[in-house]
């Protein structure tokens, strides 16, 4: 067959809309001519030479055509009364296929399909409406062979062209929205929506996704540079009510979602290969450029709005990492300050604990073991300094403000509470306060120790060290012993025993067991007590019946006094010494 004959056959496969009377000047109505060309181009190539084709009604094809546009083909949308549609034909892969003629002139930005203008209450540049699609017989569909349905599929096979110089850029889909309409509530580059309740019977869809990127081979996203973004959102940010969003997830969660709804979910994995990834950041925030003249008042890496309060339990940040080497539920590495406006509860998230004075502290550590209910202050430095715990008191009414204290003001209290079975009761206090008039650069102080007596819930001051260094302790009323008797521990606790009688008095010490019952002292601990004898005869202290020995001259002569010290030498074993 000659080349001329082959060219004739080749030309017979191409139908041009111009051959059927289409003008392409943007003025003449080309609807009827293009429809006639469509009808004649079944299973052939339908060619649109360069021009502007005005349409006034719908076009219908059977889906077998390959529609080929030369460079510069446009359809003024304002002239179209309906939509350009091609009827779906069973067995065809595509309802409409479009390709640009390889023989058309090369331009800087060749466009396969370009619709440049239009107006109306609702305008769609390219609309794909599927309705109900039956791709094959129902008997051919089963749980493992369901088939797929795409509203829009783009497939590019880029080739190296023109002296083996590759394209500067190859993209399957580029959406550029240059709209700047005053009063418009939204100018979206891409808007993805879904109509209908999605009831598909027993074979209901498991995933309904706005955008899915999952190639069978190659790369979902690929970068050969040092930095890589799977999705890059850039451009101007505008918004209503002075609020703008680069990404907004405002989905309405349906009643079928009863376990977990994740507005943003990150589930990366690594390739099965020998390599080390230095950092995997599921969320990363940084500010690259602050434009000249602009300023930012508050910048937040992650922000949880006060409106997140409608659930039974609401967490601004929630982590469930288990304890282990290298695991941290919260890790703030830099030396910037950390601010917590509310209570900080460690090991006690469910219930805050209140003290005997009904104070629910801002910082609480509560646990069921020693390690989980302990606080440690440690310092590791090659010097003489130690870690510190500091208390500050000012009469100023705002944080950080000055306000001079007065004599008698309390600076700090360390309280010790015990639970009586239902509530906390104060057992002891260590209190620091002002002991004298303060002056510039001068703050006279005192410290006192208080304990709660048996049968009471109110601590009583027992020991005080004042601003002059004097040690002041409690002194009960002395015990008078004027007859021979066995002393009790209660007698010794008064610390002073007096005798005024003319008779000779012998006082026997309590047994070691009796001493232990009221003095819960450790081994080698003791206390001082005295005898003041103003009588005319001797006062003698003798050892106890058991486990309480004496050492020294234990007789206090008439009209004299003696000082003693009792020491616990072991369990239920005591020794009393004559000191003076």
Protein backbone atom coordinates (compact mmCIF):
# COMPACT_ATOMS: atom_id res chain seq x y z
CA UNK A 1 0.00 0.00 0.00
CA UNK A 2 1.33 3.42 -0.93
CA UNK A 3 2.05 6.13 1.61
CA UNK A 4 -0.69 8.27 0.13
CA UNK A 5 -3.22 5.50 0.73
CA UNK A 6 -2.02 5.08 4.32
CA UNK A 7 -2.41 8.83 4.92
CA UNK A 8 -5.95 8.72 3.53
CA UNK A 9 -6.86 5.90 5.97
CA UNK A 10 -5.23 7.77 8.82
CA UNK A 11 -7.17 10.90 8.02
CA UNK A 12 -10.40 8.89 7.95
CA UNK A 13 -9.87 8.16 11.70
CA UNK A 14 -9.94 11.89 12.51
CA UNK A 15 -13.14 13.94 12.45
CA UNK A 16 -12.77 17.71 12.58
CA UNK A 17 -15.58 19.85 13.90
CA UNK A 18 -14.75 22.37 11.16
CA UNK A 19 -15.73 19.77 8.53
CA UNK A 20 -19.25 19.81 9.98
CA UNK A 21 -19.62 23.58 9.91
CA UNK A 22 -18.13 24.75 13.21
CA UNK A 23 -16.72 28.27 12.83
CA UNK A 24 -14.80 28.78 16.11
CA UNK A 25 -14.96 32.58 16.09
CA UNK A 26 -16.70 32.96 19.46
CA UNK A 27 -19.73 34.58 17.79
CA UNK A 28 -21.38 31.91 15.68
CA UNK A 29 -23.37 29.18 17.43
CA UNK A 30 -21.30 26.01 16.91
CA UNK A 31 -23.60 23.71 18.91
CA UNK A 32 -25.27 21.87 16.01
CA UNK A 33 -22.04 21.47 14.04
CA UNK A 34 -20.12 20.02 17.00
CA UNK A 35 -23.00 17.70 17.87
CA UNK A 36 -23.00 16.40 14.29
CA UNK A 37 -19.24 15.86 14.48
CA UNK A 38 -19.67 13.98 17.77
CA UNK A 39 -22.26 11.69 16.22
CA UNK A 40 -19.96 10.97 13.27
CA UNK A 41 -16.87 10.36 15.39
CA UNK A 42 -17.89 7.14 17.13
CA UNK A 43 -14.69 5.27 18.08
CA UNK A 44 -12.64 7.87 16.26
CA UNK A 45 -10.67 11.03 17.04
CA UNK A 46 -12.71 14.23 17.27
CA UNK A 47 -10.46 17.21 16.53
CA UNK A 48 -11.02 20.84 17.59
CA UNK A 49 -8.74 23.17 15.62
CA UNK A 50 -7.64 26.40 17.30
CA UNK A 51 -10.64 28.65 17.91
CA UNK A 52 -13.33 29.87 20.27
CA UNK A 53 -16.41 27.64 20.10
CA UNK A 54 -19.72 29.03 21.26
CA UNK A 55 -22.20 26.50 22.62
CA UNK A 56 -25.83 27.09 23.55
CA UNK A 57 -27.00 23.64 24.62
CA UNK A 58 -25.75 20.31 25.90
CA UNK A 59 -23.49 18.07 23.83
CA UNK A 60 -23.86 14.30 24.08
CA UNK A 61 -21.38 11.65 22.94
CA UNK A 62 -21.22 7.92 23.52
CA UNK A 63 -17.88 7.95 25.34
CA UNK A 64 -15.93 6.20 22.55
CA UNK A 65 -14.38 9.36 21.12
CA UNK A 66 -10.87 10.59 21.75
CA UNK A 67 -11.34 14.35 21.90
CA UNK A 68 -8.27 16.22 20.66
CA UNK A 69 -7.80 19.94 21.21
CA UNK A 70 -5.21 22.00 19.42
CA UNK A 71 -3.51 24.85 21.28
CA UNK A 72 -5.74 27.86 21.90
CA UNK A 73 -9.10 26.04 21.91
CA UNK A 74 -11.49 27.74 24.33
CA UNK A 75 -15.16 27.52 25.26
CA UNK A 76 -16.65 30.76 26.63
CA UNK A 77 -18.68 29.46 29.55
CA UNK A 78 -21.11 32.35 29.45
CA UNK A 79 -22.45 31.05 26.14
CA UNK A 80 -23.24 27.55 27.45
CA UNK A 81 -26.83 27.06 28.57
CA UNK A 82 -26.12 23.70 30.20
CA UNK A 83 -23.15 21.42 30.73
CA UNK A 84 -20.96 19.65 28.22
CA UNK A 85 -21.62 15.96 28.86
CA UNK A 86 -20.72 12.66 27.27
CA UNK A 87 -22.97 9.69 27.89
CA UNK A 88 -21.26 6.77 29.61
CA UNK A 89 -21.07 3.62 27.51
CA UNK A 90 -20.90 0.25 29.28
CA UNK A 91 -17.55 -1.39 28.75
CA UNK A 92 -15.63 1.86 28.14
CA UNK A 93 -12.93 2.87 30.61
CA UNK A 94 -13.67 6.61 30.35
CA UNK A 95 -16.74 8.68 29.56
CA UNK A 96 -14.51 11.26 27.91
CA UNK A 97 -10.86 11.20 26.87
CA UNK A 98 -8.97 14.36 25.95
CA UNK A 99 -5.55 14.73 24.41
CA UNK A 100 -3.68 17.63 22.89
CA UNK A 101 -2.50 17.26 19.32
CA UNK A 102 1.22 16.46 19.21
CA UNK A 103 1.45 18.35 15.94
CA UNK A 104 0.06 21.63 17.26
CA UNK A 105 2.44 24.53 17.86
CA UNK A 106 4.43 24.51 21.10
CA UNK A 107 3.69 27.49 23.37
CA UNK A 108 5.03 28.61 26.71
CA UNK A 109 2.02 27.19 28.61
CA UNK A 110 0.08 24.81 26.37
CA UNK A 111 -3.41 24.09 27.72
CA UNK A 112 -5.53 21.10 26.79
CA UNK A 113 -8.81 22.64 27.95
CA UNK A 114 -9.26 26.27 28.93
CA UNK A 115 -12.56 27.84 30.00
CA UNK A 116 -11.96 31.50 30.63
CA UNK A 117 -15.16 33.24 31.67
CA UNK A 118 -18.65 32.75 32.96
CA UNK A 119 -21.16 34.02 35.45
CA UNK A 120 -24.18 32.83 37.38
CA UNK A 121 -25.44 32.02 40.83
CA UNK A 122 -23.60 28.70 40.74
CA UNK A 123 -20.80 28.15 38.22
CA UNK A 124 -18.73 25.00 37.80
CA UNK A 125 -15.76 25.09 35.44
CA UNK A 126 -15.53 21.30 35.14
CA UNK A 127 -18.20 19.17 36.76
CA UNK A 128 -18.13 15.41 37.17
CA UNK A 129 -21.39 13.87 38.35
CA UNK A 130 -21.48 10.13 38.53
CA UNK A 131 -24.93 9.25 39.74
CA UNK A 132 -25.26 5.46 39.72
CA UNK A 133 -22.52 3.63 37.87
CA UNK A 134 -22.72 -0.06 37.07
CA UNK A 135 -19.28 -0.91 35.73
CA UNK A 136 -20.03 -4.57 35.21
CA UNK A 137 -22.62 -7.21 36.00
CA UNK A 138 -23.60 -7.54 39.64
CA UNK A 139 -22.70 -11.24 39.59
CA UNK A 140 -19.09 -10.25 38.90
CA UNK A 141 -18.83 -8.20 42.09
CA UNK A 142 -17.89 -9.82 45.42
CA UNK A 143 -16.30 -8.87 48.72
CA UNK A 144 -12.78 -9.21 47.35
CA UNK A 145 -13.49 -7.80 43.89
CA UNK A 146 -15.57 -4.65 44.34
CA UNK A 147 -14.11 -2.45 41.63
CA UNK A 148 -13.36 1.26 41.87
CA UNK A 149 -15.11 4.45 40.83
CA UNK A 150 -13.20 7.71 40.21
CA UNK A 151 -14.87 11.04 39.61
CA UNK A 152 -11.66 12.38 38.06
CA UNK A 153 -8.47 10.52 37.19
CA UNK A 154 -5.35 12.14 35.76
CA UNK A 155 -2.49 10.06 34.40
CA UNK A 156 0.69 11.58 32.96
CA UNK A 157 3.56 9.84 31.21
CA UNK A 158 6.17 12.63 30.96
CA UNK A 159 8.89 12.16 28.40
CA UNK A 160 12.24 13.88 27.87
CA UNK A 161 11.84 16.17 24.88
CA UNK A 162 13.75 18.76 22.90
CA UNK A 163 17.42 17.79 22.88
CA UNK A 164 16.97 15.50 25.91
CA UNK A 165 16.15 18.47 28.14
CA UNK A 166 13.45 17.49 30.68
CA UNK A 167 10.45 19.54 31.71
CA UNK A 168 10.95 22.10 34.47
CA UNK A 169 7.93 20.70 36.27
CA UNK A 170 5.45 17.84 35.81
CA UNK A 171 2.24 17.79 37.84
CA UNK A 172 -0.80 15.54 37.57
CA UNK A 173 -3.08 18.33 38.77
CA UNK A 174 -2.46 22.04 39.25
CA UNK A 175 -5.27 24.12 40.75
CA UNK A 176 -4.72 27.86 40.88
CA UNK A 177 -7.46 30.08 42.24
CA UNK A 178 -6.82 33.74 41.42
CA UNK A 179 -10.28 34.84 42.50
CA UNK A 180 -10.36 37.96 44.66
CA UNK A 181 -14.07 38.62 45.06
CA UNK A 182 -15.16 41.22 47.59
CA UNK A 183 -17.62 39.72 50.07
CA UNK A 184 -17.09 36.13 48.94
CA UNK A 185 -17.29 33.76 51.90
CA UNK A 186 -14.87 31.30 50.35
CA UNK A 187 -12.45 31.15 47.43
CA UNK A 188 -11.22 27.59 47.62
CA UNK A 189 -8.47 26.24 45.38
CA UNK A 190 -9.86 22.74 45.92
CA UNK A 191 -13.20 21.98 47.56
CA UNK A 192 -14.01 18.34 48.32
CA UNK A 193 -17.52 17.45 49.41
CA UNK A 194 -19.76 14.42 49.53
CA UNK A 195 -23.51 14.25 49.11
CA UNK A 196 -25.85 11.60 50.45
CA UNK A 197 -25.93 9.54 53.61
CA UNK A 198 -23.64 6.89 52.18
CA UNK A 199 -25.89 3.90 52.82
CA UNK A 200 -24.61 1.12 50.60
CA UNK A 201 -26.39 -1.81 52.25
CA UNK A 202 -24.37 -4.64 53.79
CA UNK A 203 -21.41 -3.91 51.52
CA UNK A 204 -20.93 -0.40 52.88
CA UNK A 205 -17.76 1.52 52.10
CA UNK A 206 -15.13 1.19 54.82
CA UNK A 207 -13.24 4.39 53.95
CA UNK A 208 -14.63 7.61 52.54
CA UNK A 209 -11.64 9.88 51.88
CA UNK A 210 -11.41 13.44 50.58
CA UNK A 211 -7.96 12.89 49.08
CA UNK A 212 -6.05 9.61 48.92
CA UNK A 213 -2.48 9.36 47.63
CA UNK A 214 -1.45 5.69 47.40
CA UNK A 215 0.54 4.69 44.31
CA UNK A 216 1.05 1.01 43.58
CA UNK A 217 4.62 1.73 42.45
CA UNK A 218 6.95 4.70 42.60
CA UNK A 219 6.40 7.54 45.07
CA UNK A 220 3.33 9.10 46.61
CA UNK A 221 5.44 12.24 47.07
CA UNK A 222 9.04 12.59 46.06
CA UNK A 223 11.74 15.20 46.59
CA UNK A 224 15.37 15.13 45.51
CA UNK A 225 16.30 18.21 47.53
CA UNK A 226 17.22 18.58 51.19
CA UNK A 227 13.65 19.45 52.27
CA UNK A 228 10.50 17.65 51.26
CA UNK A 229 6.80 18.37 51.73
CA UNK A 230 4.15 15.78 50.86
CA UNK A 231 1.59 18.58 50.76
CA UNK A 232 2.68 22.22 50.52
CA UNK A 233 0.06 24.86 51.32
CA UNK A 234 1.37 28.29 50.39
CA UNK A 235 0.04 31.56 49.12
CA UNK A 236 -2.03 34.30 50.68
CA UNK A 237 -4.03 33.52 53.80
CA UNK A 238 -7.32 35.35 54.05
CA UNK A 239 -10.26 34.68 56.31
CA UNK A 240 -13.56 35.89 57.68
CA UNK A 241 -13.85 37.61 61.08
CA UNK A 242 -10.07 38.27 60.99
CA UNK A 243 -9.31 34.53 61.28
CA UNK A 244 -7.47 32.57 58.57
CA UNK A 245 -6.77 28.87 58.21
CA UNK A 246 -4.20 27.05 56.08
CA UNK A 247 -5.90 23.78 57.00
CA UNK A 248 -9.39 23.52 58.46
CA UNK A 249 -11.03 20.23 59.41
CA UNK A 250 -14.66 21.00 60.24
CA UNK A 251 -16.22 17.60 59.58
CA UNK A 252 -19.53 16.63 61.15
CA UNK A 253 -18.98 13.34 62.96
CA UNK A 254 -21.79 10.93 62.17
CA UNK A 255 -23.60 8.65 64.61
CA UNK A 256 -21.90 5.56 63.17
CA UNK A 257 -18.54 6.77 64.56
CA UNK A 258 -18.66 5.58 68.16
CA UNK A 259 -15.05 4.72 69.07
CA UNK A 260 -12.52 7.26 67.81
CA UNK A 261 -12.76 10.25 65.47
CA UNK A 262 -9.37 11.65 64.44
CA UNK A 263 -9.48 14.98 62.59
CA UNK A 264 -5.76 14.64 61.91
CA UNK A 265 -3.99 11.28 62.02
CA UNK A 266 -0.34 10.49 61.37
CA UNK A 267 0.72 6.87 60.77
CA UNK A 268 4.07 6.87 58.94
CA UNK A 269 6.26 3.82 58.49
CA UNK A 270 9.84 3.28 57.35
CA UNK A 271 11.20 1.36 54.41
CA UNK A 272 12.56 -2.13 55.07
CA UNK A 273 16.18 -1.10 54.57
CA UNK A 274 19.29 -0.49 56.66
CA UNK A 275 19.20 3.24 57.47
CA UNK A 276 18.71 5.62 60.40
CA UNK A 277 16.23 8.46 60.41
CA UNK A 278 17.48 11.16 62.78
CA UNK A 279 14.14 12.85 63.49
CA UNK A 280 10.56 11.74 62.90
CA UNK A 281 8.24 14.63 63.70
CA UNK A 282 4.54 13.91 63.43
CA UNK A 283 3.91 17.64 63.85
CA UNK A 284 6.47 20.40 63.36
CA UNK A 285 5.94 24.16 63.72
CA UNK A 286 8.34 26.93 62.69
CA UNK A 287 8.14 30.55 61.54
CA UNK A 288 10.26 31.15 58.44
CA UNK A 289 9.78 34.84 57.65
CA UNK A 290 8.30 37.80 59.46
CA UNK A 291 7.51 40.30 56.73
CA UNK A 292 8.82 43.84 57.00
CA UNK A 293 6.40 45.99 58.98
CA UNK A 294 4.38 43.06 60.33
CA UNK A 295 4.30 41.81 63.90
CA UNK A 296 2.79 38.91 65.83
CA UNK A 297 1.46 39.32 69.35
CA UNK A 298 1.09 35.66 70.32
CA UNK A 299 2.60 32.72 68.45
CA UNK A 300 1.54 29.24 69.50
CA UNK A 301 3.03 25.93 68.37
CA UNK A 302 -0.20 24.14 69.34
CA UNK A 303 -3.36 25.83 70.58
CA UNK A 304 -6.33 24.22 72.31
CA UNK A 305 -9.33 26.55 72.39
CA UNK A 306 -11.41 27.02 75.57
CA UNK A 307 -14.33 25.64 73.55
CA UNK A 308 -12.86 22.13 73.92
CA UNK A 309 -14.96 21.55 77.01
CA UNK A 310 -18.05 19.68 75.86
CA UNK A 311 -16.90 16.12 76.57
CA UNK A 312 -17.01 14.22 79.86
CA UNK A 313 -13.20 14.51 79.96
CA UNK A 314 -11.37 17.21 78.01
CA UNK A 315 -7.61 17.22 77.40
CA UNK A 316 -5.65 19.97 75.70
CA UNK A 317 -2.83 17.46 75.26
CA UNK A 318 -3.03 13.72 75.96
CA UNK A 319 -0.18 11.20 75.89
CA UNK A 320 -0.20 7.50 76.80
CA UNK A 321 3.48 6.57 76.53
CA UNK A 322 4.47 3.84 78.95
CA UNK A 323 7.49 4.22 81.22
CA UNK A 324 10.74 3.12 79.64
CA UNK A 325 14.18 4.27 78.57
CA UNK A 326 13.84 7.20 76.17
CA UNK A 327 10.06 7.57 76.71
CA UNK A 328 8.75 10.96 77.83
CA UNK A 329 5.08 11.91 77.92
CA UNK A 330 6.12 15.57 77.86
CA UNK A 331 9.60 16.83 76.99
CA UNK A 332 10.52 20.54 76.95
CA UNK A 333 14.22 20.65 76.02
CA UNK A 334 15.08 24.34 75.85
CA UNK A 335 15.70 26.60 78.85
CA UNK A 336 12.70 28.84 78.17
CA UNK A 337 10.23 29.25 81.04
CA UNK A 338 7.27 26.87 81.34
CA UNK A 339 3.95 28.36 82.45
CA UNK A 340 1.08 26.43 84.04
CA UNK A 341 -1.93 28.59 84.85
CA UNK A 342 -3.98 25.88 86.58
CA UNK A 343 -3.27 23.11 89.03
CA UNK A 344 -0.41 20.72 88.28
CA UNK A 345 -1.38 17.31 89.60
CA UNK A 346 1.30 14.61 89.50
CA UNK A 347 -0.03 11.04 89.86
CA UNK A 348 -3.42 12.41 90.90
CA UNK A 349 -5.23 13.33 87.68
CA UNK A 350 -8.63 12.13 88.91
CA UNK A 351 -8.86 13.97 92.25
CA UNK A 352 -7.01 16.91 93.73
CA UNK A 353 -6.05 16.53 97.40
CA UNK A 354 -6.94 19.15 100.00
CA UNK A 355 -5.07 19.84 103.24
CA UNK A 356 -6.49 20.03 106.77
CA UNK A 357 -7.21 23.70 106.10
CA UNK A 358 -9.18 22.83 102.91
CA UNK A 359 -6.38 24.15 100.74
CA UNK A 360 -6.16 22.50 97.30
CA UNK A 361 -2.63 23.42 96.27
CA UNK A 362 -1.61 24.40 92.73
CA UNK A 363 1.20 21.81 92.72
CA UNK A 364 0.45 18.36 94.10
CA UNK A 365 2.34 15.06 94.11
CA UNK A 366 0.23 12.12 95.26
CA UNK A 367 0.99 8.43 94.92
CA UNK A 368 0.59 4.98 96.40
CA UNK A 369 4.31 4.27 96.83
CA UNK A 370 7.36 6.05 98.16
CA UNK A 371 8.82 6.85 94.75
CA UNK A 372 5.53 8.12 93.31
CA UNK A 373 4.86 10.41 96.27
CA UNK A 374 8.32 11.92 96.68
CA UNK A 375 10.01 15.12 95.51
CA UNK A 376 13.79 15.30 95.06
CA UNK A 377 15.97 18.39 94.72
CA UNK A 378 19.48 17.55 93.48
CA UNK A 379 22.45 19.68 92.45
CA UNK A 380 25.56 18.41 90.70
CA UNK A 381 28.25 21.10 90.61
CA UNK A 382 31.90 21.29 91.65
CA UNK A 383 31.41 23.92 94.37
CA UNK A 384 30.19 24.32 97.97
CA UNK A 385 26.60 25.21 97.01
CA UNK A 386 23.54 23.03 97.54
CA UNK A 387 20.05 22.76 96.00
CA UNK A 388 17.51 25.02 97.66
CA UNK A 389 13.84 25.35 98.46
CA UNK A 390 12.81 28.98 98.80
CA UNK A 391 9.71 30.67 100.24
CA UNK A 392 8.92 34.35 99.56
CA UNK A 393 6.35 36.54 101.30
CA UNK A 394 5.42 40.12 100.34
CA UNK A 395 2.51 42.33 101.29
CA UNK A 396 2.25 43.40 97.62
CA UNK A 397 -1.09 42.54 96.01
CA UNK A 398 0.16 41.48 92.56
CA UNK A 399 2.70 38.84 91.61
CA UNK A 400 6.22 40.26 91.84
CA UNK A 401 5.18 43.48 93.56
CA UNK A 402 6.83 44.83 96.71
CA UNK A 403 5.19 45.26 100.11
CA UNK A 404 7.15 45.51 103.39
CA UNK A 405 6.33 42.96 106.07
CA UNK A 406 5.61 43.73 109.69
CA UNK A 407 6.86 42.10 112.88
CA UNK A 408 4.87 38.93 113.54
CA UNK A 409 4.06 38.25 109.83
CA UNK A 410 4.42 34.62 108.82
CA UNK A 411 6.76 34.00 105.89
CA UNK A 412 6.23 30.28 105.34
CA UNK A 413 4.57 27.24 106.87
CA UNK A 414 5.45 23.62 106.31
CA UNK A 415 2.48 21.58 107.48
CA UNK A 416 2.24 17.88 108.24
CA UNK A 417 -1.20 16.28 107.97
CA UNK A 418 -2.48 12.81 108.80
CA UNK A 419 -5.78 11.25 107.82
CA UNK A 420 -8.10 10.23 110.67
CA UNK A 421 -10.11 7.89 108.44
CA UNK A 422 -12.18 10.54 106.73
CA UNK A 423 -10.25 13.78 106.54
CA UNK A 424 -6.80 15.33 106.96
CA UNK A 425 -5.81 16.55 110.45
CA UNK A 426 -2.74 18.69 111.14
CA UNK A 427 -0.09 16.91 113.23
CA UNK A 428 2.77 19.40 113.17
CA UNK A 429 4.03 22.67 111.70
CA UNK A 430 7.37 24.30 111.00
CA UNK A 431 6.77 28.03 110.73
CA UNK A 432 9.11 30.86 109.80
CA UNK A 433 8.11 34.44 110.56
CA UNK A 434 9.28 38.00 111.15
CA UNK A 435 10.74 38.61 114.64
CA UNK A 436 11.08 42.35 114.92
CA UNK A 437 10.67 45.42 112.77
CA UNK A 438 12.05 44.94 109.21
CA UNK A 439 14.18 47.63 107.64
CA UNK A 440 15.79 48.29 104.28
CA UNK A 441 17.92 45.25 103.59
CA UNK A 442 17.06 43.78 107.04
CA UNK A 443 14.53 41.04 107.88
CA UNK A 444 14.78 39.70 111.50
CA UNK A 445 13.36 36.20 111.62
CA UNK A 446 12.38 33.31 113.83
CA UNK A 447 11.50 29.68 113.30
CA UNK A 448 9.19 27.57 115.43
CA UNK A 449 8.20 23.93 115.63
CA UNK A 450 4.68 22.98 116.70
CA UNK A 451 3.21 19.55 117.41
CA UNK A 452 -0.34 18.42 118.15
CA UNK A 453 -0.91 16.88 121.62
CA UNK A 454 -2.78 13.61 122.09
CA UNK A 455 -6.55 13.96 121.73
CA UNK A 456 -6.31 17.24 119.84
CA UNK A 457 -6.21 18.42 116.24
CA UNK A 458 -4.47 21.75 116.85
CA UNK A 459 -0.67 22.04 116.90
CA UNK A 460 0.97 23.71 119.91
CA UNK A 461 4.30 25.52 119.67
CA UNK A 462 7.06 23.51 121.33
CA UNK A 463 10.33 25.09 120.24
CA UNK A 464 11.35 28.51 118.95
CA UNK A 465 14.64 30.00 117.77
CA UNK A 466 14.30 33.79 117.79
CA UNK A 467 16.17 36.49 115.86
CA UNK A 468 18.79 36.72 118.66
CA UNK A 469 19.54 32.99 118.52
CA UNK A 470 17.79 32.21 121.77
CA UNK A 471 16.25 28.72 121.97
CA UNK A 472 12.89 28.85 123.68
CA UNK A 473 10.95 25.69 124.44
CA UNK A 474 7.70 24.90 126.20
CA UNK A 475 7.83 24.42 129.99
CA UNK A 476 4.82 22.82 131.69
CA UNK A 477 4.14 23.42 135.39
CA UNK A 478 6.59 21.44 137.63
CA UNK A 479 5.58 18.19 139.38
CA UNK A 480 5.68 18.25 143.20
CA UNK A 481 6.96 15.04 144.85
CA UNK A 482 6.94 15.17 148.70
CA UNK A 483 6.64 11.46 149.53
CA UNK A 484 8.52 8.34 148.56
CA UNK A 485 7.00 7.09 145.30
CA UNK A 486 7.64 5.66 141.82
CA UNK A 487 7.93 8.40 139.25
CA UNK A 488 5.80 8.24 136.10
CA UNK A 489 6.85 9.22 132.61
CA UNK A 490 4.34 12.07 132.84
CA UNK A 491 6.24 13.37 135.90
CA UNK A 492 9.49 13.38 133.95
CA UNK A 493 7.86 15.11 130.96
CA UNK A 494 7.28 18.23 133.05
CA UNK A 495 11.12 18.43 133.14
CA UNK A 496 11.12 19.92 136.68
CA UNK A 497 10.37 18.02 139.93
CA UNK A 498 10.11 19.96 143.19
CA UNK A 499 10.20 18.78 146.83
CA UNK A 500 9.42 20.98 149.84
CA UNK A 501 8.95 18.44 152.62
CA UNK A 502 11.11 17.95 155.71
CA UNK A 503 10.93 14.16 155.23
CA UNK A 504 13.39 12.08 153.31
CA UNK A 505 12.06 11.27 149.80
CA UNK A 506 13.07 8.37 147.56
CA UNK A 507 11.85 8.49 143.93
CA UNK A 508 12.05 5.30 141.86
CA UNK A 509 12.44 5.72 138.07
CA UNK A 510 9.90 4.16 135.65
CA UNK A 511 10.82 0.84 134.05
CA UNK A 512 12.41 0.78 130.63
CA UNK A 513 9.20 -0.56 129.11
CA UNK A 514 7.18 2.28 130.65
CA UNK A 515 9.66 4.80 129.28
CA UNK A 516 9.32 3.32 125.78
CA UNK A 517 5.52 3.43 125.91
CA UNK A 518 5.45 7.21 126.19
CA UNK A 519 8.80 8.21 124.73
CA UNK A 520 8.90 6.89 121.15
CA UNK A 521 12.59 7.74 121.00
CA UNK A 522 15.29 6.17 118.94
CA UNK A 523 18.36 4.48 120.39
CA UNK A 524 20.88 6.90 121.95
CA UNK A 525 18.30 9.67 122.23
CA UNK A 526 17.43 11.34 125.53
CA UNK A 527 16.06 14.32 127.45
CA UNK A 528 16.99 16.52 130.42
CA UNK A 529 15.09 17.01 133.70
CA UNK A 530 15.85 18.52 137.11
CA UNK A 531 15.07 18.16 140.83
CA UNK A 532 14.74 21.26 143.01
CA UNK A 533 14.79 20.28 146.71
CA UNK A 534 13.82 23.14 149.02
CA UNK A 535 13.01 20.76 151.89
CA UNK A 536 15.18 20.07 154.93
CA UNK A 537 16.03 16.49 154.00
CA UNK A 538 17.55 14.60 151.07
CA UNK A 539 15.78 13.67 147.81
CA UNK A 540 17.14 10.45 146.26
CA UNK A 541 16.52 9.10 142.75
CA UNK A 542 16.93 5.34 142.40
CA UNK A 543 16.93 2.99 139.44
CA UNK A 544 13.74 1.47 138.14
CA UNK A 545 12.43 -2.00 138.89
CA UNK A 546 13.70 -3.24 135.51
CA UNK A 547 15.75 -2.02 132.56
CA UNK A 548 16.31 1.49 133.92
CA UNK A 549 19.68 1.94 135.59
CA UNK A 550 21.35 5.01 137.08
CA UNK A 551 24.88 6.41 137.01
CA UNK A 552 26.34 9.02 139.36
CA UNK A 553 25.38 10.50 142.72
CA UNK A 554 21.60 10.34 142.56
CA UNK A 555 20.95 12.15 145.94
CA UNK A 556 19.96 15.83 145.93
CA UNK A 557 20.79 17.38 149.28
CA UNK A 558 18.42 19.62 151.18
CA UNK A 559 18.12 23.14 149.84
CA UNK A 560 19.87 22.25 146.59
CA UNK A 561 19.10 21.07 143.06
CA UNK A 562 20.32 18.45 140.65
CA UNK A 563 20.28 18.02 136.86
CA UNK A 564 19.69 14.63 135.20
CA UNK A 565 19.66 13.23 131.68
CA UNK A 566 17.76 10.08 130.71
CA UNK A 567 19.04 8.17 127.65
CA UNK A 568 17.50 5.29 125.72
CA UNK A 569 20.30 2.75 125.21
CA UNK A 570 18.16 0.09 123.47
CA UNK A 571 14.70 -1.32 123.12
CA UNK A 572 12.91 -0.78 126.49
CA UNK A 573 16.28 -0.10 128.10
CA UNK A 574 17.19 3.27 129.64
CA UNK A 575 19.99 4.86 131.67
CA UNK A 576 19.66 8.05 133.78
CA UNK A 577 22.77 10.12 134.54
CA UNK A 578 23.40 12.73 137.23
CA UNK A 579 24.78 15.66 135.25
CA UNK A 580 25.02 18.39 137.87
